[in-house]
C-alpha atoms as a PDB file:
ATOM      1  CA  UNK A   1      92.709  -3.802 -43.871  1.00  0.00           C
ATOM      2  CA  UNK A   2      89.942  -6.715 -43.881  1.00  0.00           C
ATOM      3  CA  UNK A   3      86.454  -6.650 -44.716  1.00  0.00           C
ATOM      4  CA  UNK A   4      84.167  -8.668 -42.711  1.00  0.00           C
ATOM      5  CA  UNK A   5      80.623  -9.627 -44.397  1.00  0.00           C
ATOM      6  CA  UNK A   6      77.904 -11.330 -42.675  1.00  0.00           C
ATOM      7  CA  UNK A   7      74.668 -13.057 -44.000  1.00  0.00           C
ATOM      8  CA  UNK A   8      72.769 -10.211 -44.323  1.00  0.00           C
ATOM      9  CA  UNK A   9      75.141  -9.307 -46.970  1.00  0.00           C
ATOM     10  CA  UNK A  10      73.831 -12.144 -49.077  1.00  0.00           C
ATOM     11  CA  UNK A  11      71.354 -12.182 -51.727  1.00  0.00           C
ATOM     12  CA  UNK A  12      69.685 -14.864 -53.319  1.00  0.00           C
ATOM     13  CA  UNK A  13      67.601 -14.683 -56.748  1.00  0.00           C
ATOM     14  CA  UNK A  14      66.266 -18.070 -58.373  1.00  0.00           C
ATOM     15  CA  UNK A  15      64.525 -17.760 -61.648  1.00  0.00           C
ATOM     16  CA  UNK A  16      64.476 -13.975 -61.572  1.00  0.00           C
ATOM     17  CA  UNK A  17      62.485 -13.978 -58.034  1.00  0.00           C
ATOM     18  CA  UNK A  18      64.502 -12.463 -54.952  1.00  0.00           C
ATOM     19  CA  UNK A  19      64.223 -14.596 -51.822  1.00  0.00           C
ATOM     20  CA  UNK A  20      66.357 -12.603 -49.450  1.00  0.00           C
ATOM     21  CA  UNK A  21      63.429 -12.685 -46.658  1.00  0.00           C
ATOM     22  CA  UNK A  22      62.819 -16.192 -47.126  1.00  0.00           C
ATOM     23  CA  UNK A  23      66.261 -17.701 -46.642  1.00  0.00           C
ATOM     24  CA  UNK A  24      68.163 -17.809 -43.497  1.00  0.00           C
ATOM     25  CA  UNK A  25      71.720 -19.473 -44.793  1.00  0.00           C
ATOM     26  CA  UNK A  26      73.077 -19.570 -48.626  1.00  0.00           C
ATOM     27  CA  UNK A  27      76.167 -21.481 -49.609  1.00  0.00           C
ATOM     28  CA  UNK A  28      77.599 -22.716 -52.749  1.00  0.00           C
ATOM     29  CA  UNK A  29      79.824 -25.542 -52.635  1.00  0.00           C
ATOM     30  CA  UNK A  30      82.106 -26.133 -56.018  1.00  0.00           C
ATOM     31  CA  UNK A  31      84.548 -28.681 -56.044  1.00  0.00           C
ATOM     32  CA  UNK A  32      86.635 -30.419 -58.716  1.00  0.00           C
ATOM     33  CA  UNK A  33      86.718 -33.769 -59.741  1.00  0.00           C
ATOM     34  CA  UNK A  34      90.177 -34.391 -60.019  1.00  0.00           C
ATOM     35  CA  UNK A  35      91.713 -37.866 -61.629  1.00  0.00           C
ATOM     36  CA  UNK A  36      95.111 -38.946 -59.841  1.00  0.00           C
ATOM     37  CA  UNK A  37      97.313 -40.559 -62.331  1.00  0.00           C
ATOM     38  CA  UNK A  38     100.074 -42.781 -61.513  1.00  0.00           C
ATOM     39  CA  UNK A  39     102.980 -42.593 -64.039  1.00  0.00           C
ATOM     40  CA  UNK A  40     106.484 -43.510 -64.145  1.00  0.00           C
ATOM     41  CA  UNK A  41     107.681 -40.293 -62.957  1.00  0.00           C
ATOM     42  CA  UNK A  42     105.521 -39.929 -60.152  1.00  0.00           C
ATOM     43  CA  UNK A  43     102.126 -38.475 -59.846  1.00  0.00           C
ATOM     44  CA  UNK A  44      99.839 -36.544 -62.377  1.00  0.00           C
ATOM     45  CA  UNK A  45      96.450 -34.717 -61.761  1.00  0.00           C
ATOM     46  CA  UNK A  46      93.985 -33.939 -64.430  1.00  0.00           C
ATOM     47  CA  UNK A  47      90.865 -32.191 -63.448  1.00  0.00           C
ATOM     48  CA  UNK A  48      87.868 -33.666 -65.298  1.00  0.00           C
ATOM     49  CA  UNK A  49      85.255 -31.322 -64.478  1.00  0.00           C
ATOM     50  CA  UNK A  50      83.419 -30.099 -61.239  1.00  0.00           C
ATOM     51  CA  UNK A  51      80.726 -30.773 -59.125  1.00  0.00           C
ATOM     52  CA  UNK A  52      78.884 -27.646 -57.596  1.00  0.00           C
ATOM     53  CA  UNK A  53      75.850 -27.333 -54.936  1.00  0.00           C
ATOM     54  CA  UNK A  54      73.637 -24.353 -53.995  1.00  0.00           C
ATOM     55  CA  UNK A  55      72.484 -25.331 -50.522  1.00  0.00           C
ATOM     56  CA  UNK A  56      69.514 -22.947 -49.092  1.00  0.00           C
ATOM     57  CA  UNK A  57      68.035 -23.244 -45.651  1.00  0.00           C
ATOM     58  CA  UNK A  58      64.780 -21.179 -45.474  1.00  0.00           C
ATOM     59  CA  UNK A  59      61.713 -20.297 -43.641  1.00  0.00           C
ATOM     60  CA  UNK A  60      59.039 -22.318 -44.560  1.00  0.00           C
ATOM     61  CA  UNK A  61      56.831 -20.008 -46.604  1.00  0.00           C
ATOM     62  CA  UNK A  62      53.778 -22.464 -48.037  1.00  0.00           C
ATOM     63  CA  UNK A  63      51.175 -20.711 -49.385  1.00  0.00           C
ATOM     64  CA  UNK A  64      52.666 -17.156 -49.479  1.00  0.00           C
ATOM     65  CA  UNK A  65      52.953 -14.874 -51.885  1.00  0.00           C
ATOM     66  CA  UNK A  66      56.152 -15.573 -53.821  1.00  0.00           C
ATOM     67  CA  UNK A  67      57.027 -18.668 -52.060  1.00  0.00           C
ATOM     68  CA  UNK A  68      60.103 -20.254 -52.339  1.00  0.00           C
ATOM     69  CA  UNK A  69      58.756 -23.325 -51.029  1.00  0.00           C
ATOM     70  CA  UNK A  70      55.623 -23.846 -53.792  1.00  0.00           C
ATOM     71  CA  UNK A  71      58.113 -22.692 -56.436  1.00  0.00           C
ATOM     72  CA  UNK A  72      61.039 -24.887 -55.803  1.00  0.00           C
ATOM     73  CA  UNK A  73      58.321 -27.700 -54.801  1.00  0.00           C
ATOM     74  CA  UNK A  74      56.082 -27.006 -58.392  1.00  0.00           C
ATOM     75  CA  UNK A  75      59.233 -27.135 -60.526  1.00  0.00           C
ATOM     76  CA  UNK A  76      60.764 -29.864 -59.095  1.00  0.00           C
ATOM     77  CA  UNK A  77      57.137 -31.774 -59.596  1.00  0.00           C
ATOM     78  CA  UNK A  78      56.771 -30.561 -63.373  1.00  0.00           C
ATOM     79  CA  UNK A  79      60.180 -30.134 -64.371  1.00  0.00           C
ATOM     80  CA  UNK A  80      62.709 -31.861 -62.507  1.00  0.00           C
ATOM     81  CA  UNK A  81      65.046 -31.882 -65.718  1.00  0.00           C
ATOM     82  CA  UNK A  82      64.890 -27.956 -66.197  1.00  0.00           C
ATOM     83  CA  UNK A  83      67.074 -25.989 -64.843  1.00  0.00           C
ATOM     84  CA  UNK A  84      66.458 -22.934 -63.209  1.00  0.00           C
ATOM     85  CA  UNK A  85      68.767 -19.937 -63.314  1.00  0.00           C
ATOM     86  CA  UNK A  86      70.522 -18.403 -59.950  1.00  0.00           C
ATOM     87  CA  UNK A  87      72.346 -15.461 -58.974  1.00  0.00           C
ATOM     88  CA  UNK A  88      74.183 -15.686 -55.467  1.00  0.00           C
ATOM     89  CA  UNK A  89      75.530 -12.267 -54.567  1.00  0.00           C
ATOM     90  CA  UNK A  90      78.155 -12.213 -51.550  1.00  0.00           C
ATOM     91  CA  UNK A  91      79.484  -8.744 -50.998  1.00  0.00           C
ATOM     92  CA  UNK A  92      79.820  -7.537 -54.729  1.00  0.00           C
ATOM     93  CA  UNK A  93      81.166 -11.182 -56.036  1.00  0.00           C
ATOM     94  CA  UNK A  94      78.309 -12.498 -57.596  1.00  0.00           C
ATOM     95  CA  UNK A  95      77.986 -15.771 -58.523  1.00  0.00           C
ATOM     96  CA  UNK A  96      75.728 -17.247 -61.107  1.00  0.00           C
ATOM     97  CA  UNK A  97      74.737 -20.815 -62.967  1.00  0.00           C
ATOM     98  CA  UNK A  98      71.759 -22.716 -63.421  1.00  0.00           C
ATOM     99  CA  UNK A  99      70.474 -25.473 -60.727  1.00  0.00           C
ATOM    100  CA  UNK A 100      67.830 -28.117 -60.652  1.00  0.00           C
ATOM    101  CA  UNK A 101      65.045 -27.996 -58.171  1.00  0.00           C
ATOM    102  CA  UNK A 102      64.424 -30.024 -55.124  1.00  0.00           C
ATOM    103  CA  UNK A 103      61.348 -30.871 -53.033  1.00  0.00           C
ATOM    104  CA  UNK A 104      61.793 -28.734 -49.784  1.00  0.00           C
ATOM    105  CA  UNK A 105      60.594 -30.726 -46.427  1.00  0.00           C
ATOM    106  CA  UNK A 106      57.101 -29.802 -44.974  1.00  0.00           C
ATOM    107  CA  UNK A 107      56.260 -29.430 -41.746  1.00  0.00           C
ATOM    108  CA  UNK A 108      57.769 -29.453 -38.258  1.00  0.00           C
ATOM    109  CA  UNK A 109      57.523 -28.767 -34.280  1.00  0.00           C
ATOM    110  CA  UNK A 110      54.329 -27.622 -33.036  1.00  0.00           C
ATOM    111  CA  UNK A 111      56.328 -24.593 -31.396  1.00  0.00           C
ATOM    112  CA  UNK A 112      59.067 -24.055 -33.904  1.00  0.00           C
ATOM    113  CA  UNK A 113      59.494 -21.479 -36.661  1.00  0.00           C
ATOM    114  CA  UNK A 114      59.001 -24.256 -39.849  1.00  0.00           C
ATOM    115  CA  UNK A 115      62.360 -24.194 -42.106  1.00  0.00           C
ATOM    116  CA  UNK A 116      63.297 -26.143 -44.942  1.00  0.00           C
ATOM    117  CA  UNK A 117      66.822 -27.001 -46.132  1.00  0.00           C
ATOM    118  CA  UNK A 118      67.041 -27.813 -50.091  1.00  0.00           C
ATOM    119  CA  UNK A 119      70.712 -28.813 -51.724  1.00  0.00           C
ATOM    120  CA  UNK A 120      70.045 -27.568 -55.361  1.00  0.00           C
ATOM    121  CA  UNK A 121      72.497 -29.534 -57.924  1.00  0.00           C
ATOM    122  CA  UNK A 122      74.501 -26.898 -60.492  1.00  0.00           C
ATOM    123  CA  UNK A 123      74.132 -27.862 -63.936  1.00  0.00           C
ATOM    124  CA  UNK A 124      77.241 -29.183 -65.125  1.00  0.00           C
ATOM    125  CA  UNK A 125      79.050 -27.779 -61.798  1.00  0.00           C
ATOM    126  CA  UNK A 126      79.127 -24.304 -64.152  1.00  0.00           C
ATOM    127  CA  UNK A 127      79.341 -21.254 -61.861  1.00  0.00           C
ATOM    128  CA  UNK A 128      80.708 -18.000 -63.091  1.00  0.00           C
ATOM    129  CA  UNK A 129      81.891 -15.133 -60.605  1.00  0.00           C
ATOM    130  CA  UNK A 130      81.941 -11.876 -61.721  1.00  0.00           C
END
Protein backbone atom coordinates (compact mmCIF):
# COMPACT_ATOMS: atom_id res chain seq x y z
CA UNK A 1 0.00 0.00 0.00
CA UNK A 2 1.27 3.45 -0.87
CA UNK A 3 1.82 6.11 1.76
CA UNK A 4 0.98 9.64 0.71
CA UNK A 5 2.58 12.55 2.47
CA UNK A 6 1.83 16.22 2.13
CA UNK A 7 3.72 19.36 3.00
CA UNK A 8 1.89 19.35 6.31
CA UNK A 9 3.86 16.22 7.18
CA UNK A 10 7.14 18.18 6.95
CA UNK A 11 8.99 19.89 9.78
CA UNK A 12 11.91 22.32 9.57
CA UNK A 13 14.44 23.22 12.27
CA UNK A 14 17.30 25.65 11.69
CA UNK A 15 19.86 26.39 14.40
CA UNK A 16 17.69 24.49 16.96
CA UNK A 17 14.56 26.62 16.27
CA UNK A 18 11.43 25.18 14.67
CA UNK A 19 9.98 27.09 11.71
CA UNK A 20 7.00 24.95 10.74
CA UNK A 21 4.59 27.89 11.12
CA UNK A 22 6.62 30.25 8.89
CA UNK A 23 7.70 27.89 6.07
CA UNK A 24 5.25 27.16 3.27
CA UNK A 25 7.58 25.01 1.14
CA UNK A 26 10.81 23.19 1.97
CA UNK A 27 12.82 21.17 -0.52
CA UNK A 28 16.24 19.60 -0.19
CA UNK A 29 18.11 19.11 -3.45
CA UNK A 30 21.16 16.84 -3.49
CA UNK A 31 23.28 16.13 -6.55
CA UNK A 32 26.37 14.04 -7.19
CA UNK A 33 29.22 15.94 -8.84
CA UNK A 34 30.33 13.24 -11.21
CA UNK A 35 33.19 13.23 -13.70
CA UNK A 36 32.88 11.22 -16.89
CA UNK A 37 36.23 9.75 -17.90
CA UNK A 38 36.86 8.59 -21.44
CA UNK A 39 39.18 5.58 -21.25
CA UNK A 40 40.27 3.03 -23.86
CA UNK A 41 37.67 0.52 -22.69
CA UNK A 42 34.79 3.04 -22.75
CA UNK A 43 33.39 5.48 -20.26
CA UNK A 44 34.11 5.40 -16.55
CA UNK A 45 32.28 7.47 -13.93
CA UNK A 46 33.76 8.94 -10.78
CA UNK A 47 31.68 10.78 -8.20
CA UNK A 48 33.92 13.48 -6.75
CA UNK A 49 31.59 14.94 -4.11
CA UNK A 50 28.03 16.21 -3.63
CA UNK A 51 26.27 19.55 -3.82
CA UNK A 52 23.15 20.23 -1.77
CA UNK A 53 20.75 23.14 -1.33
CA UNK A 54 17.98 23.60 1.24
CA UNK A 55 15.28 25.72 -0.42
CA UNK A 56 12.80 27.44 1.87
CA UNK A 57 9.75 29.45 0.85
CA UNK A 58 8.31 31.27 3.82
CA UNK A 59 5.85 33.89 4.90
CA UNK A 60 7.71 37.06 5.76
CA UNK A 61 7.77 37.38 9.53
CA UNK A 62 10.04 40.40 9.98
CA UNK A 63 10.06 41.70 13.54
CA UNK A 64 7.96 38.87 15.01
CA UNK A 65 9.15 36.85 18.00
CA UNK A 66 11.16 33.89 16.68
CA UNK A 67 11.34 35.42 13.18
CA UNK A 68 13.00 33.21 10.55
CA UNK A 69 13.57 36.24 8.29
CA UNK A 70 15.31 38.13 11.11
CA UNK A 71 17.40 35.10 12.12
CA UNK A 72 18.61 34.42 8.57
CA UNK A 73 19.30 38.10 7.87
CA UNK A 74 21.26 38.58 11.09
CA UNK A 75 23.28 35.38 10.58
CA UNK A 76 24.03 36.21 6.92
CA UNK A 77 25.06 39.73 7.92
CA UNK A 78 27.25 38.88 10.92
CA UNK A 79 28.60 35.39 10.15
CA UNK A 80 27.95 34.42 6.50
CA UNK A 81 30.66 31.74 6.53
CA UNK A 82 29.39 30.05 9.70
CA UNK A 83 27.03 27.18 8.94
CA UNK A 84 23.79 26.67 10.86
CA UNK A 85 22.56 23.17 11.64
CA UNK A 86 19.30 22.09 10.06
CA UNK A 87 16.92 19.21 10.44
CA UNK A 88 14.21 18.46 7.91
CA UNK A 89 11.74 15.69 8.67
CA UNK A 90 9.62 14.16 5.93
CA UNK A 91 7.20 11.66 7.44
CA UNK A 92 9.82 9.97 9.61
CA UNK A 93 12.84 10.30 7.32
CA UNK A 94 15.01 12.94 8.94
CA UNK A 95 17.59 14.80 6.87
CA UNK A 96 20.28 16.72 8.77
CA UNK A 97 23.25 18.86 7.90
CA UNK A 98 24.64 22.37 8.14
CA UNK A 99 23.74 25.22 5.80
CA UNK A 100 25.03 28.72 5.28
CA UNK A 101 22.65 31.61 6.00
CA UNK A 102 21.31 33.79 3.18
CA UNK A 103 19.49 37.12 3.09
CA UNK A 104 15.74 36.75 2.57
CA UNK A 105 14.09 39.34 0.32
CA UNK A 106 12.11 42.08 2.08
CA UNK A 107 9.00 43.76 0.71
CA UNK A 108 6.16 42.79 -1.59
CA UNK A 109 2.88 43.80 -3.18
CA UNK A 110 0.26 45.94 -1.47
CA UNK A 111 -2.49 43.31 -1.42
CA UNK A 112 -0.28 40.22 -1.08
CA UNK A 113 0.69 38.21 1.95
CA UNK A 114 4.43 38.84 1.96
CA UNK A 115 6.72 35.91 1.22
CA UNK A 116 10.45 35.31 0.87
CA UNK A 117 12.46 32.50 -0.67
CA UNK A 118 16.01 31.52 0.26
CA UNK A 119 18.38 28.91 -1.14
CA UNK A 120 20.69 27.78 1.67
CA UNK A 121 23.86 26.08 0.48
CA UNK A 122 24.58 22.92 2.48
CA UNK A 123 28.14 22.75 3.82
CA UNK A 124 30.21 20.28 1.77
CA UNK A 125 26.96 18.91 0.31
CA UNK A 126 26.89 16.67 3.37
CA UNK A 127 23.42 15.44 4.33
CA UNK A 128 22.58 12.47 6.49
CA UNK A 129 19.27 10.63 6.46
CA UNK A 130 17.96 8.65 9.38
